């Protein structure tokens, strides 16, 4: 099973998701995901699901992230934003930042897919090195 390590950076809402064993993700089932550790942001608990092959996001089964509310949505709906970009290990490529906002109603709700990259593009890019890649993400409350 591929390994996903996440590291808190500066604030608890910022994280690095490193997928070690990208070639092993090819054997994962469509929609199967790798889960980050729990994050506490804006008084709520969250997780990020990285899906190496998201069949719901298109026929090319791109790499996607989804933000998941783990705690109860106290005081009504909870709005949050998930943003990300691939990290270039050589620091030559310009990151392509992407984001998605979502309104969560209850524990277990998840955002729509945030497409990080097409699998074919990842393999051909400089972001994949030594069978691993890293996604820098941030989860934050939104209005």
C-alpha atoms as a PDB file:
ATOM      1  CA  UNK A   1       0.000   0.000   0.000  1.00  0.00           C
ATOM      2  CA  UNK A   2       1.428   3.421  -0.879  1.00  0.00           C
ATOM      3  CA  UNK A   3       2.412   5.639   2.003  1.00  0.00           C
ATOM      4  CA  UNK A   4       0.953   9.119   2.577  1.00  0.00           C
ATOM      5  CA  UNK A   5       2.742  11.301   5.064  1.00  0.00           C
ATOM      6  CA  UNK A   6       1.345  14.634   6.090  1.00  0.00           C
ATOM      7  CA  UNK A   7       3.208  17.346   7.909  1.00  0.00           C
ATOM      8  CA  UNK A   8       1.731  20.403   9.552  1.00  0.00           C
ATOM      9  CA  UNK A   9       3.318  23.614   8.293  1.00  0.00           C
ATOM     10  CA  UNK A  10       3.118  26.939  10.172  1.00  0.00           C
ATOM     11  CA  UNK A  11      -0.590  26.598  11.071  1.00  0.00           C
ATOM     12  CA  UNK A  12      -2.719  23.497  11.593  1.00  0.00           C
ATOM     13  CA  UNK A  13      -4.679  24.264   8.435  1.00  0.00           C
ATOM     14  CA  UNK A  14      -1.631  23.980   6.146  1.00  0.00           C
ATOM     15  CA  UNK A  15      -0.332  20.556   5.174  1.00  0.00           C
ATOM     16  CA  UNK A  16       1.995  18.677   2.881  1.00  0.00           C
ATOM     17  CA  UNK A  17       0.708  15.408   1.469  1.00  0.00           C
ATOM     18  CA  UNK A  18       3.534  13.244   0.159  1.00  0.00           C
ATOM     19  CA  UNK A  19       2.571  10.150  -1.795  1.00  0.00           C
ATOM     20  CA  UNK A  20       5.407   7.672  -1.686  1.00  0.00           C
ATOM     21  CA  UNK A  21       4.837   4.712  -3.981  1.00  0.00           C
ATOM     22  CA  UNK A  22       2.966   6.350  -6.850  1.00  0.00           C
ATOM     23  CA  UNK A  23       3.343   3.214  -8.992  1.00  0.00           C
ATOM     24  CA  UNK A  24       1.477   1.239  -6.314  1.00  0.00           C
ATOM     25  CA  UNK A  25      -1.492   3.603  -6.590  1.00  0.00           C
ATOM     26  CA  UNK A  26      -2.059   2.255 -10.113  1.00  0.00           C
ATOM     27  CA  UNK A  27      -3.364  -0.946  -8.487  1.00  0.00           C
ATOM     28  CA  UNK A  28      -5.782   0.908  -6.209  1.00  0.00           C
ATOM     29  CA  UNK A  29      -9.475   0.687  -7.044  1.00  0.00           C
ATOM     30  CA  UNK A  30     -11.197   3.653  -8.651  1.00  0.00           C
ATOM     31  CA  UNK A  31     -12.265   6.037  -5.914  1.00  0.00           C
ATOM     32  CA  UNK A  32     -10.148   4.387  -3.212  1.00  0.00           C
ATOM     33  CA  UNK A  33      -8.473   7.066  -1.111  1.00  0.00           C
ATOM     34  CA  UNK A  34      -5.587   7.776   1.225  1.00  0.00           C
ATOM     35  CA  UNK A  35      -6.580   9.763   4.308  1.00  0.00           C
ATOM     36  CA  UNK A  36      -4.604  12.510   6.048  1.00  0.00           C
ATOM     37  CA  UNK A  37      -4.423  12.789   9.795  1.00  0.00           C
ATOM     38  CA  UNK A  38      -7.093  14.844  11.547  1.00  0.00           C
ATOM     39  CA  UNK A  39      -6.784  18.625  11.241  1.00  0.00           C
ATOM     40  CA  UNK A  40      -8.426  21.138  13.578  1.00  0.00           C
ATOM     41  CA  UNK A  41      -9.430  24.272  11.696  1.00  0.00           C
ATOM     42  CA  UNK A  42     -11.946  26.928  12.668  1.00  0.00           C
ATOM     43  CA  UNK A  43     -13.201  24.938  15.656  1.00  0.00           C
ATOM     44  CA  UNK A  44     -13.960  21.832  13.584  1.00  0.00           C
ATOM     45  CA  UNK A  45     -12.116  18.602  12.815  1.00  0.00           C
ATOM     46  CA  UNK A  46     -11.313  17.771   9.202  1.00  0.00           C
ATOM     47  CA  UNK A  47      -9.456  15.249   7.055  1.00  0.00           C
ATOM     48  CA  UNK A  48      -8.264  15.420   3.480  1.00  0.00           C
ATOM     49  CA  UNK A  49      -8.780  12.425   1.205  1.00  0.00           C
ATOM     50  CA  UNK A  50      -6.349  12.035  -1.672  1.00  0.00           C
ATOM     51  CA  UNK A  51      -7.785   9.879  -4.430  1.00  0.00           C
ATOM     52  CA  UNK A  52      -5.098   8.697  -6.878  1.00  0.00           C
ATOM     53  CA  UNK A  53      -7.808   7.625  -9.375  1.00  0.00           C
ATOM     54  CA  UNK A  54     -11.099   9.444  -8.895  1.00  0.00           C
ATOM     55  CA  UNK A  55     -13.641   7.842 -11.237  1.00  0.00           C
ATOM     56  CA  UNK A  56     -16.284  10.437 -10.255  1.00  0.00           C
ATOM     57  CA  UNK A  57     -14.141  13.344 -11.498  1.00  0.00           C
ATOM     58  CA  UNK A  58     -13.899  12.324 -15.150  1.00  0.00           C
ATOM     59  CA  UNK A  59     -13.003   9.573 -17.524  1.00  0.00           C
ATOM     60  CA  UNK A  60      -9.261  10.195 -17.140  1.00  0.00           C
ATOM     61  CA  UNK A  61      -9.464   9.351 -13.411  1.00  0.00           C
ATOM     62  CA  UNK A  62      -7.430  12.322 -12.173  1.00  0.00           C
ATOM     63  CA  UNK A  63      -5.680  12.708  -8.837  1.00  0.00           C
ATOM     64  CA  UNK A  64      -8.118  14.596  -6.578  1.00  0.00           C
ATOM     65  CA  UNK A  65      -8.451  15.907  -3.041  1.00  0.00           C
ATOM     66  CA  UNK A  66     -11.643  16.062  -0.994  1.00  0.00           C
ATOM     67  CA  UNK A  67     -12.132  17.883   2.296  1.00  0.00           C
ATOM     68  CA  UNK A  68     -14.148  15.893   4.861  1.00  0.00           C
ATOM     69  CA  UNK A  69     -15.861  17.315   7.956  1.00  0.00           C
ATOM     70  CA  UNK A  70     -15.194  14.923  10.862  1.00  0.00           C
ATOM     71  CA  UNK A  71     -16.912  16.841  13.680  1.00  0.00           C
ATOM     72  CA  UNK A  72     -20.487  18.052  14.009  1.00  0.00           C
ATOM     73  CA  UNK A  73     -21.404  21.283  12.231  1.00  0.00           C
ATOM     74  CA  UNK A  74     -22.208  23.291  15.330  1.00  0.00           C
ATOM     75  CA  UNK A  75     -24.312  26.413  14.865  1.00  0.00           C
ATOM     76  CA  UNK A  76     -25.513  25.689  11.342  1.00  0.00           C
ATOM     77  CA  UNK A  77     -23.715  25.118   8.086  1.00  0.00           C
ATOM     78  CA  UNK A  78     -19.931  25.273   7.996  1.00  0.00           C
ATOM     79  CA  UNK A  79     -18.255  26.800   4.955  1.00  0.00           C
ATOM     80  CA  UNK A  80     -14.679  25.854   4.172  1.00  0.00           C
ATOM     81  CA  UNK A  81     -12.191  26.172   1.349  1.00  0.00           C
ATOM     82  CA  UNK A  82      -9.575  23.652   0.237  1.00  0.00           C
ATOM     83  CA  UNK A  83      -6.703  24.814  -1.938  1.00  0.00           C
ATOM     84  CA  UNK A  84      -3.654  22.980  -3.275  1.00  0.00           C
ATOM     85  CA  UNK A  85      -0.788  22.787  -5.716  1.00  0.00           C
ATOM     86  CA  UNK A  86       1.834  20.220  -6.638  1.00  0.00           C
ATOM     87  CA  UNK A  87       5.318  20.777  -5.214  1.00  0.00           C
ATOM     88  CA  UNK A  88       8.189  20.640  -7.689  1.00  0.00           C
ATOM     89  CA  UNK A  89      11.169  18.897  -6.041  1.00  0.00           C
ATOM     90  CA  UNK A  90      13.569  20.688  -8.438  1.00  0.00           C
ATOM     91  CA  UNK A  91      11.882  24.086  -7.853  1.00  0.00           C
ATOM     92  CA  UNK A  92      11.865  24.841 -11.598  1.00  0.00           C
ATOM     93  CA  UNK A  93       8.148  24.476 -12.346  1.00  0.00           C
ATOM     94  CA  UNK A  94       5.613  27.183 -11.532  1.00  0.00           C
ATOM     95  CA  UNK A  95       2.872  25.789  -9.249  1.00  0.00           C
ATOM     96  CA  UNK A  96      -0.680  25.776 -10.560  1.00  0.00           C
ATOM     97  CA  UNK A  97      -2.837  26.687  -7.564  1.00  0.00           C
ATOM     98  CA  UNK A  98      -6.386  25.369  -7.414  1.00  0.00           C
ATOM     99  CA  UNK A  99      -9.185  25.662  -4.862  1.00  0.00           C
ATOM    100  CA  UNK A 100     -12.746  24.637  -4.081  1.00  0.00           C
ATOM    101  CA  UNK A 101     -15.250  25.910  -1.509  1.00  0.00           C
ATOM    102  CA  UNK A 102     -18.040  23.887   0.023  1.00  0.00           C
ATOM    103  CA  UNK A 103     -20.846  24.165   2.573  1.00  0.00           C
ATOM    104  CA  UNK A 104     -20.870  21.285   5.072  1.00  0.00           C
ATOM    105  CA  UNK A 105     -24.067  20.392   6.945  1.00  0.00           C
ATOM    106  CA  UNK A 106     -23.084  17.417   9.099  1.00  0.00           C
ATOM    107  CA  UNK A 107     -20.233  15.169  10.129  1.00  0.00           C
ATOM    108  CA  UNK A 108     -19.130  12.975   7.226  1.00  0.00           C
ATOM    109  CA  UNK A 109     -19.983  15.546   4.534  1.00  0.00           C
ATOM    110  CA  UNK A 110     -17.252  15.995   1.945  1.00  0.00           C
ATOM    111  CA  UNK A 111     -16.466  18.579  -0.696  1.00  0.00           C
ATOM    112  CA  UNK A 112     -16.579  17.965  -4.382  1.00  0.00           C
ATOM    113  CA  UNK A 113     -13.347  16.785  -5.971  1.00  0.00           C
ATOM    114  CA  UNK A 114     -10.510  19.266  -6.307  1.00  0.00           C
ATOM    115  CA  UNK A 115      -8.593  18.024  -9.349  1.00  0.00           C
ATOM    116  CA  UNK A 116      -4.870  18.194  -8.607  1.00  0.00           C
ATOM    117  CA  UNK A 117      -3.737  16.839 -11.970  1.00  0.00           C
ATOM    118  CA  UNK A 118      -4.530  14.238 -14.587  1.00  0.00           C
ATOM    119  CA  UNK A 119      -2.653  10.995 -13.872  1.00  0.00           C
ATOM    120  CA  UNK A 120      -1.055  11.062 -17.323  1.00  0.00           C
ATOM    121  CA  UNK A 121       0.145  14.643 -16.786  1.00  0.00           C
ATOM    122  CA  UNK A 122       1.651  13.731 -13.416  1.00  0.00           C
ATOM    123  CA  UNK A 123       3.694  10.910 -14.920  1.00  0.00           C
ATOM    124  CA  UNK A 124       4.981  13.178 -17.700  1.00  0.00           C
ATOM    125  CA  UNK A 125       5.716  16.127 -15.391  1.00  0.00           C
ATOM    126  CA  UNK A 126       8.667  17.023 -13.217  1.00  0.00           C
ATOM    127  CA  UNK A 127       6.478  16.739 -10.116  1.00  0.00           C
ATOM    128  CA  UNK A 128       6.909  12.959  -9.949  1.00  0.00           C
ATOM    129  CA  UNK A 129      10.381  11.998  -8.685  1.00  0.00           C
ATOM    130  CA  UNK A 130      11.594   8.692  -7.251  1.00  0.00           C
ATOM    131  CA  UNK A 131       8.052   7.305  -7.518  1.00  0.00           C
ATOM    132  CA  UNK A 132       6.662  10.007  -5.233  1.00  0.00           C
ATOM    133  CA  UNK A 133       4.999  13.402  -5.401  1.00  0.00           C
ATOM    134  CA  UNK A 134       3.936  16.061  -2.930  1.00  0.00           C
ATOM    135  CA  UNK A 135       0.803  18.189  -2.759  1.00  0.00           C
ATOM    136  CA  UNK A 136       0.788  21.349  -0.628  1.00  0.00           C
ATOM    137  CA  UNK A 137      -2.717  22.016   0.633  1.00  0.00           C
ATOM    138  CA  UNK A 138      -4.572  24.372   2.916  1.00  0.00           C
ATOM    139  CA  UNK A 139      -7.976  24.141   4.533  1.00  0.00           C
ATOM    140  CA  UNK A 140      -9.577  27.333   5.803  1.00  0.00           C
ATOM    141  CA  UNK A 141     -12.947  28.679   6.858  1.00  0.00           C
ATOM    142  CA  UNK A 142     -14.664  30.577   4.039  1.00  0.00           C
ATOM    143  CA  UNK A 143     -17.469  33.091   3.892  1.00  0.00           C
END
